[in-house]
Protein backbone atom coordinates (compact mmCIF):
# COMPACT_ATOMS: atom_id res chain seq x y z
CA MET A 1 4.61 -14.79 3.12
CA ILE A 2 6.15 -11.57 4.12
CA PRO A 3 5.10 -9.06 6.81
CA VAL A 4 4.24 -5.80 5.38
CA GLN A 5 3.77 -2.46 7.13
CA TYR A 6 1.64 0.04 5.16
CA ARG A 7 2.51 3.65 6.39
CA ASP A 8 1.47 7.15 5.79
CA PRO A 9 4.50 9.04 4.25
CA GLN A 10 3.75 12.35 6.08
CA THR A 11 3.22 11.18 9.57
CA GLU A 12 4.86 7.77 9.58
CA GLU A 13 1.57 6.35 11.07
CA ILE A 14 1.32 2.57 10.51
CA LEU A 15 -2.03 2.32 8.65
CA GLU A 16 -2.02 -1.62 8.68
CA ARG A 17 0.12 -4.59 9.24
CA ARG A 18 -0.55 -7.84 7.24
CA TYR A 19 1.20 -10.67 5.56
CA GLU A 20 1.47 -10.79 1.68
CA GLU A 21 2.73 -13.24 -0.74
CA GLU A 22 5.20 -10.73 -2.02
CA ALA A 23 5.95 -6.94 -1.44
CA PRO A 24 3.66 -4.60 -3.35
CA THR A 25 5.21 -2.82 -6.23
CA ILE A 26 5.36 0.89 -6.67
CA GLY A 27 2.41 2.34 -8.22
CA THR A 28 -0.05 -0.47 -7.58
CA GLN A 29 -3.26 0.03 -5.63
CA VAL A 30 -3.94 -1.61 -2.41
CA ARG A 31 -7.07 -1.71 -0.15
CA ILE A 32 -6.48 -0.78 3.50
CA GLY A 33 -9.81 -0.87 5.47
CA PHE A 34 -12.46 0.74 3.31
CA GLU A 35 -10.09 2.83 1.33
CA GLU A 36 -7.95 2.51 -1.78
CA TYR A 37 -4.24 3.52 -1.58
CA ARG A 38 -1.48 3.76 -4.12
CA VAL A 39 1.98 2.66 -3.18
CA LEU A 40 4.47 5.41 -3.31
CA TYR A 41 7.62 3.70 -2.45
CA ARG A 42 9.12 0.75 -0.33
CA TRP A 43 11.70 1.20 2.34
CA ARG A 44 13.87 -1.65 3.79
CA CYS A 45 12.28 -4.44 1.81
CA VAL A 46 14.24 -7.64 2.76
CA PRO A 47 13.06 -11.23 2.59
CA THR A 48 11.78 -11.06 6.17
CA SER A 49 9.85 -7.84 6.17
CA CYS A 50 8.90 -4.65 4.07
CA ILE A 51 7.79 -1.02 4.99
CA VAL A 52 5.54 0.46 2.20
CA TYR A 53 4.54 4.05 2.03
CA VAL A 54 1.14 4.62 0.44
CA GLN A 55 -1.18 7.67 -0.39
CA ARG A 56 -5.03 7.55 -0.16
CA ILE A 57 -6.68 7.73 -3.62
CA ALA A 58 -9.94 9.73 -3.99
CA ARG A 59 -12.97 7.58 -4.23
CA GLU A 60 -13.75 8.81 -7.84
CA ALA A 61 -10.26 8.04 -9.07
CA ALA A 62 -10.31 4.53 -7.32
CA ARG A 63 -13.42 3.71 -9.06
CA GLU A 64 -12.10 4.79 -12.50
CA GLY A 65 -8.99 2.62 -11.97
CA ARG A 66 -11.13 -0.38 -11.20
CA THR A 67 -13.40 0.01 -14.22
CA ALA A 68 -10.57 0.73 -16.63
CA ALA A 69 -8.75 -2.49 -15.60
């Protein structure tokens, strides 16, 4: 398990901290709270921690992504 910080790329606000099996890959979707986010990029990913910058996805686009998968 690796500690991951999910951050807003514009404000640097930490949206969530949690442990993941592995660091999320760029372009994947993650759920934070009740919203869907897309991973934009990762910063300082080392075996002991990772900072991931995410962008919120519009609800319509998130639904389409889930139904297409």
